[in-house]
Every structure is written in C-alpha cells, then in structure tokens.
Protein backbone atom coordinates (compact mmCIF):
# COMPACT_ATOMS: atom_id res chain seq x y z
CA MET A 1 106.12 173.30 167.02
CA ALA A 2 103.91 171.06 169.14
CA TRP A 3 101.33 169.05 167.26
CA CYS A 4 99.21 168.13 170.34
CA GLY A 5 98.59 164.60 168.94
CA LEU A 6 97.53 165.74 165.46
CA ASP A 7 100.31 163.52 164.08
CA GLN A 8 98.66 160.42 165.43
CA PHE A 9 95.27 161.70 164.20
CA LEU A 10 96.56 162.25 160.65
CA ARG A 11 98.57 159.00 160.55
CA HIS A 12 95.44 157.01 161.66
CA ALA A 13 93.33 158.82 159.04
CA ALA A 14 95.80 157.85 156.34
CA ASP A 15 95.89 154.19 157.56
CA LEU A 16 92.19 154.03 157.26
CA VAL A 17 92.27 155.25 153.75
CA ARG A 18 95.13 152.76 152.86
CA ALA A 19 93.22 149.94 154.51
CA ARG A 20 90.37 150.45 152.00
CA GLY A 21 92.96 150.27 149.16
CA GLY A 22 92.87 154.07 148.65
CA ALA A 23 95.25 156.79 148.52
CA ILE A 24 95.47 160.46 149.67
CA ALA A 25 95.77 162.56 146.58
CA ALA A 26 95.96 166.06 148.09
CA VAL A 27 95.45 167.97 151.33
CA ASP A 28 94.47 171.57 151.80
CA VAL A 29 94.86 173.22 155.27
CA THR A 30 93.57 176.63 156.21
CA ILE A 31 94.81 177.96 159.63
CA VAL A 32 92.67 180.79 161.20
CA CYS A 33 94.56 183.09 163.48
CA GLU A 34 95.70 186.61 163.94
CA ARG A 35 99.04 185.59 165.33
CA PRO A 36 101.62 184.07 164.89
CA LYS A 37 102.34 184.75 161.25
CA ILE A 38 102.20 181.43 159.31
CA GLY A 39 104.52 182.45 156.45
CA PRO A 40 107.81 181.69 158.24
CA HIS A 41 106.51 178.31 159.32
CA ARG A 42 104.61 177.29 156.14
CA ALA A 43 107.25 175.31 154.50
CA ALA A 44 108.02 173.32 157.65
CA MET A 45 104.24 172.58 158.14
CA ILE A 46 103.89 171.35 154.61
CA GLU A 47 106.91 169.08 155.01
CA ARG A 48 105.66 167.71 158.29
CA VAL A 49 102.08 167.01 157.06
CA ALA A 50 103.35 165.40 153.89
CA ALA A 51 105.77 163.15 155.96
CA ILE A 52 103.03 162.11 158.44
CA LEU A 53 100.69 161.17 155.52
CA GLY A 54 103.31 159.69 153.41
CA ILE A 55 102.54 161.91 150.32
CA ALA A 56 104.72 164.45 148.40
CA GLY A 57 105.07 167.88 149.74
CA ALA A 58 103.64 169.22 146.36
CA ARG A 59 100.36 167.58 147.34
CA VAL A 60 99.95 169.57 150.52
CA SER A 61 98.62 173.18 150.67
CA VAL A 62 98.95 175.24 153.81
CA LYS A 63 97.47 178.79 153.92
CA ALA A 64 96.26 181.23 156.66
CA THR A 65 93.56 183.68 157.20
CA THR A 66 92.26 185.91 159.89
CA THR A 67 88.77 186.62 161.35
CA ASP A 68 89.52 190.44 161.30
CA LYS A 69 89.81 190.48 165.05
CA LEU A 70 86.37 188.69 165.48
CA GLY A 71 85.62 185.70 167.76
CA PHE A 72 88.15 183.92 169.93
CA THR A 73 90.74 183.64 167.12
CA GLY A 74 90.47 187.39 166.52
CA ARG A 75 90.97 188.09 170.23
CA GLY A 76 94.18 185.90 170.27
CA GLU A 77 92.64 183.21 172.45
CA GLY A 78 93.23 180.41 170.14
CA ILE A 79 93.84 179.08 166.66
CA ALA A 80 91.43 177.16 164.43
CA ALA A 81 92.17 175.02 161.37
CA GLN A 82 90.10 173.50 158.50
CA ALA A 83 91.38 170.77 156.32
CA VAL A 84 90.13 169.05 153.22
CA ALA A 85 91.58 165.93 151.77
CA THR A 86 91.05 164.52 148.23
CA VAL A 87 90.96 160.75 148.54
CA ARG A 88 90.97 158.20 145.76
CA LEU A 89 89.21 154.82 146.68
CA PRO A 90 88.91 151.83 144.45
CA LEU A 91 85.41 151.26 142.87
C-alpha cells in the first residue's frame, strides 16, 4: 500500500513530540471511503502506523466509515482520513 509520504509526516510529528520530551500515548485513525473495504488491511495499517511512530500496536486504532455515497468519497473519487493523537508532554 502506498503511503504517499505519510510515513515521513508521521515520523516528523513523532520526532517533534520526542524533542519536547514527550511521548505519543495513543493514535486513533478514521478512514472515510466507500471502497476499498478496510477490514482486510486493518491489521497491516495498525502495524505500519505503530512502527512509524515507535509505539505498540495496541496503542493504535484504525477504523473506517462511509459518507453514505455523499461527496467525493461517496462517489469513489477519493479517500479521506482523520487522526487524533494523545500526547503526553512534561510539565
């Protein structure tokens, strides 16, 4: 699966957190698309994100949803993603 430079972005973000003495506690990713089905790729995605960020796979959540055929994702013209990270920084 092509990551289109996302691995560099994730690695850089993790480096910025670590440079401040922090740690990434957890990551939650939601992929928005009609196709392809994410289920068969979910474990590999979790493993890859965890490896890039240097955290345990148990701290990464990947799930998918659709827009019920609305918008560009619903028409199959693209895929969108949203991600949230819980970051611990020293006081």
